[in-house]
């Protein structure tokens, strides 16, 4: 069992940066792939980024590629999402997820955090 708690969201202006953190409980954190998803009002939850258990492989949605960076620190049981050059279209609740595979499919991820709001004003 893994429990995930996100932090770092907030209200920023277009072009600003934010770093989200996701702290995981449990000693098996390093065995799991980790991902970030987001959900805007009235829209389905969508894949943002994922990282494999070792941090050696990362994957991004085309909409964030080159602006967002996912990373993890297994010693701290934490995964990060560095978001640069933020746009109003990035406004959403951001969720951390844990699972066995780095996939874009929401239903394949076993563990979810409660989400953190990111709002980007123009």
C-alpha atoms as a PDB file:
ATOM      1  CA  UNK A   1       0.000   0.000   0.000  1.00  0.00           C
ATOM      2  CA  UNK A   2       1.288   3.449  -0.929  1.00  0.00           C
ATOM      3  CA  UNK A   3      -0.194   6.742   0.192  1.00  0.00           C
ATOM      4  CA  UNK A   4       0.562   9.856  -1.827  1.00  0.00           C
ATOM      5  CA  UNK A   5       0.342  13.492  -0.765  1.00  0.00           C
ATOM      6  CA  UNK A   6       0.858  16.315  -3.253  1.00  0.00           C
ATOM      7  CA  UNK A   7       1.961  19.846  -2.448  1.00  0.00           C
ATOM      8  CA  UNK A   8       3.263  22.939  -4.189  1.00  0.00           C
ATOM      9  CA  UNK A   9       0.254  24.083  -6.156  1.00  0.00           C
ATOM     10  CA  UNK A  10      -0.878  27.677  -6.260  1.00  0.00           C
ATOM     11  CA  UNK A  11      -1.847  30.718  -8.297  1.00  0.00           C
ATOM     12  CA  UNK A  12       0.771  32.043 -10.686  1.00  0.00           C
ATOM     13  CA  UNK A  13       0.949  34.206 -13.791  1.00  0.00           C
ATOM     14  CA  UNK A  14       1.609  32.982 -17.307  1.00  0.00           C
ATOM     15  CA  UNK A  15       5.322  32.404 -17.825  1.00  0.00           C
ATOM     16  CA  UNK A  16       5.988  31.632 -14.162  1.00  0.00           C
ATOM     17  CA  UNK A  17       7.279  28.380 -12.698  1.00  0.00           C
ATOM     18  CA  UNK A  18       6.066  26.003 -10.001  1.00  0.00           C
ATOM     19  CA  UNK A  19       7.426  22.813  -8.536  1.00  0.00           C
ATOM     20  CA  UNK A  20       4.999  20.180  -7.352  1.00  0.00           C
ATOM     21  CA  UNK A  21       6.036  17.538  -4.869  1.00  0.00           C
ATOM     22  CA  UNK A  22       4.470  14.188  -4.085  1.00  0.00           C
ATOM     23  CA  UNK A  23       5.491  12.499  -0.868  1.00  0.00           C
ATOM     24  CA  UNK A  24       4.886   8.775  -0.642  1.00  0.00           C
ATOM     25  CA  UNK A  25       4.543   6.617   2.415  1.00  0.00           C
ATOM     26  CA  UNK A  26       5.789   3.071   2.590  1.00  0.00           C
ATOM     27  CA  UNK A  27       9.130   1.426   2.079  1.00  0.00           C
ATOM     28  CA  UNK A  28       8.307   0.154  -1.395  1.00  0.00           C
ATOM     29  CA  UNK A  29       8.239   3.545  -3.108  1.00  0.00           C
ATOM     30  CA  UNK A  30      11.333   2.806  -5.161  1.00  0.00           C
ATOM     31  CA  UNK A  31       9.616  -0.221  -6.731  1.00  0.00           C
ATOM     32  CA  UNK A  32       6.906   1.859  -8.364  1.00  0.00           C
ATOM     33  CA  UNK A  33       6.678   3.924 -11.464  1.00  0.00           C
ATOM     34  CA  UNK A  34       5.324   7.377 -10.656  1.00  0.00           C
ATOM     35  CA  UNK A  35       3.272   9.738 -12.716  1.00  0.00           C
ATOM     36  CA  UNK A  36       1.551  13.090 -12.802  1.00  0.00           C
ATOM     37  CA  UNK A  37      -1.900  13.613 -14.248  1.00  0.00           C
ATOM     38  CA  UNK A  38      -4.144  16.657 -14.350  1.00  0.00           C
ATOM     39  CA  UNK A  39      -7.827  17.391 -14.600  1.00  0.00           C
ATOM     40  CA  UNK A  40      -9.328  20.677 -15.672  1.00  0.00           C
ATOM     41  CA  UNK A  41     -12.959  21.567 -14.903  1.00  0.00           C
ATOM     42  CA  UNK A  42     -15.328  19.698 -17.205  1.00  0.00           C
ATOM     43  CA  UNK A  43     -12.548  17.605 -18.705  1.00  0.00           C
ATOM     44  CA  UNK A  44     -11.247  14.100 -18.204  1.00  0.00           C
ATOM     45  CA  UNK A  45      -8.101  13.394 -16.250  1.00  0.00           C
ATOM     46  CA  UNK A  46      -5.116  13.410 -18.585  1.00  0.00           C
ATOM     47  CA  UNK A  47      -1.548  12.177 -18.525  1.00  0.00           C
ATOM     48  CA  UNK A  48       1.170  14.752 -17.930  1.00  0.00           C
ATOM     49  CA  UNK A  49       4.406  12.892 -17.166  1.00  0.00           C
ATOM     50  CA  UNK A  50       5.765   9.623 -15.818  1.00  0.00           C
ATOM     51  CA  UNK A  51       9.035   8.238 -14.530  1.00  0.00           C
ATOM     52  CA  UNK A  52      10.162   4.669 -14.061  1.00  0.00           C
ATOM     53  CA  UNK A  53      11.261   3.183 -10.743  1.00  0.00           C
ATOM     54  CA  UNK A  54      14.911   4.165 -11.104  1.00  0.00           C
ATOM     55  CA  UNK A  55      14.386   7.575 -12.641  1.00  0.00           C
ATOM     56  CA  UNK A  56      16.227   6.496 -15.746  1.00  0.00           C
ATOM     57  CA  UNK A  57      13.267   6.841 -18.087  1.00  0.00           C
ATOM     58  CA  UNK A  58      10.802   9.689 -18.331  1.00  0.00           C
ATOM     59  CA  UNK A  59       7.764  10.304 -20.508  1.00  0.00           C
ATOM     60  CA  UNK A  60       5.793  13.449 -21.243  1.00  0.00           C
ATOM     61  CA  UNK A  61       2.597  14.537 -22.876  1.00  0.00           C
ATOM     62  CA  UNK A  62       3.257  16.556 -26.010  1.00  0.00           C
ATOM     63  CA  UNK A  63       1.540  19.558 -24.441  1.00  0.00           C
ATOM     64  CA  UNK A  64       4.164  19.832 -21.678  1.00  0.00           C
ATOM     65  CA  UNK A  65       7.267  18.472 -23.371  1.00  0.00           C
ATOM     66  CA  UNK A  66      10.155  20.911 -23.053  1.00  0.00           C
ATOM     67  CA  UNK A  67       8.436  22.862 -20.249  1.00  0.00           C
ATOM     68  CA  UNK A  68       7.851  20.278 -17.514  1.00  0.00           C
ATOM     69  CA  UNK A  69      10.373  17.944 -15.901  1.00  0.00           C
ATOM     70  CA  UNK A  70       9.557  14.936 -13.743  1.00  0.00           C
ATOM     71  CA  UNK A  71      12.126  13.601 -11.307  1.00  0.00           C
ATOM     72  CA  UNK A  72      12.270  11.461  -8.196  1.00  0.00           C
ATOM     73  CA  UNK A  73      14.353  11.038  -5.090  1.00  0.00           C
ATOM     74  CA  UNK A  74      13.929   7.487  -3.837  1.00  0.00           C
ATOM     75  CA  UNK A  75      15.853   8.252  -0.653  1.00  0.00           C
ATOM     76  CA  UNK A  76      13.192  10.836   0.208  1.00  0.00           C
ATOM     77  CA  UNK A  77      10.221   8.873  -1.187  1.00  0.00           C
ATOM     78  CA  UNK A  78       9.332  11.906  -3.268  1.00  0.00           C
ATOM     79  CA  UNK A  79       8.546  12.632  -6.890  1.00  0.00           C
ATOM     80  CA  UNK A  80       8.629  16.129  -8.344  1.00  0.00           C
ATOM     81  CA  UNK A  81       7.148  17.978 -11.277  1.00  0.00           C
ATOM     82  CA  UNK A  82       9.025  21.124 -12.248  1.00  0.00           C
ATOM     83  CA  UNK A  83       6.748  23.271 -14.375  1.00  0.00           C
ATOM     84  CA  UNK A  84       8.232  26.160 -16.328  1.00  0.00           C
ATOM     85  CA  UNK A  85       6.731  28.621 -18.787  1.00  0.00           C
ATOM     86  CA  UNK A  86       3.282  27.974 -17.425  1.00  0.00           C
ATOM     87  CA  UNK A  87       0.267  28.768 -19.559  1.00  0.00           C
ATOM     88  CA  UNK A  88      -3.385  29.361 -18.654  1.00  0.00           C
ATOM     89  CA  UNK A  89      -4.108  26.028 -20.394  1.00  0.00           C
ATOM     90  CA  UNK A  90      -2.074  24.314 -17.652  1.00  0.00           C
ATOM     91  CA  UNK A  91      -4.697  25.279 -15.076  1.00  0.00           C
ATOM     92  CA  UNK A  92      -5.981  22.094 -13.454  1.00  0.00           C
ATOM     93  CA  UNK A  93      -5.895  19.922 -10.390  1.00  0.00           C
ATOM     94  CA  UNK A  94      -2.660  17.941 -10.562  1.00  0.00           C
ATOM     95  CA  UNK A  95      -2.603  14.388  -9.256  1.00  0.00           C
ATOM     96  CA  UNK A  96       0.313  12.170  -8.358  1.00  0.00           C
ATOM     97  CA  UNK A  97      -0.015   8.486  -9.205  1.00  0.00           C
ATOM     98  CA  UNK A  98       1.898   5.310  -8.476  1.00  0.00           C
ATOM     99  CA  UNK A  99       1.826   2.018 -10.314  1.00  0.00           C
ATOM    100  CA  UNK A 100       3.690  -0.822 -11.929  1.00  0.00           C
ATOM    101  CA  UNK A 101       3.952   0.616 -15.430  1.00  0.00           C
ATOM    102  CA  UNK A 102       4.581   4.031 -16.941  1.00  0.00           C
ATOM    103  CA  UNK A 103       1.437   4.339 -19.009  1.00  0.00           C
ATOM    104  CA  UNK A 104      -0.808   7.194 -20.089  1.00  0.00           C
ATOM    105  CA  UNK A 105      -3.933   5.254 -19.146  1.00  0.00           C
ATOM    106  CA  UNK A 106      -5.524   6.495 -15.926  1.00  0.00           C
ATOM    107  CA  UNK A 107      -7.037   3.145 -14.975  1.00  0.00           C
ATOM    108  CA  UNK A 108      -3.677   1.363 -14.955  1.00  0.00           C
ATOM    109  CA  UNK A 109      -2.346   3.397 -12.028  1.00  0.00           C
ATOM    110  CA  UNK A 110      -3.026   1.839  -8.637  1.00  0.00           C
ATOM    111  CA  UNK A 111      -2.399   4.684  -6.218  1.00  0.00           C
ATOM    112  CA  UNK A 112      -3.512   8.310  -6.286  1.00  0.00           C
ATOM    113  CA  UNK A 113      -3.004  11.423  -4.237  1.00  0.00           C
ATOM    114  CA  UNK A 114      -5.731  13.898  -3.380  1.00  0.00           C
ATOM    115  CA  UNK A 115      -4.570  16.491  -5.900  1.00  0.00           C
ATOM    116  CA  UNK A 116      -3.222  20.027  -5.749  1.00  0.00           C
ATOM    117  CA  UNK A 117      -4.682  22.998  -7.606  1.00  0.00           C
ATOM    118  CA  UNK A 118      -2.575  24.892 -10.111  1.00  0.00           C
ATOM    119  CA  UNK A 119      -4.058  28.081 -11.515  1.00  0.00           C
ATOM    120  CA  UNK A 120      -2.279  30.094 -14.184  1.00  0.00           C
ATOM    121  CA  UNK A 121      -3.600  33.569 -14.885  1.00  0.00           C
ATOM    122  CA  UNK A 122      -3.050  35.371 -18.180  1.00  0.00           C
END
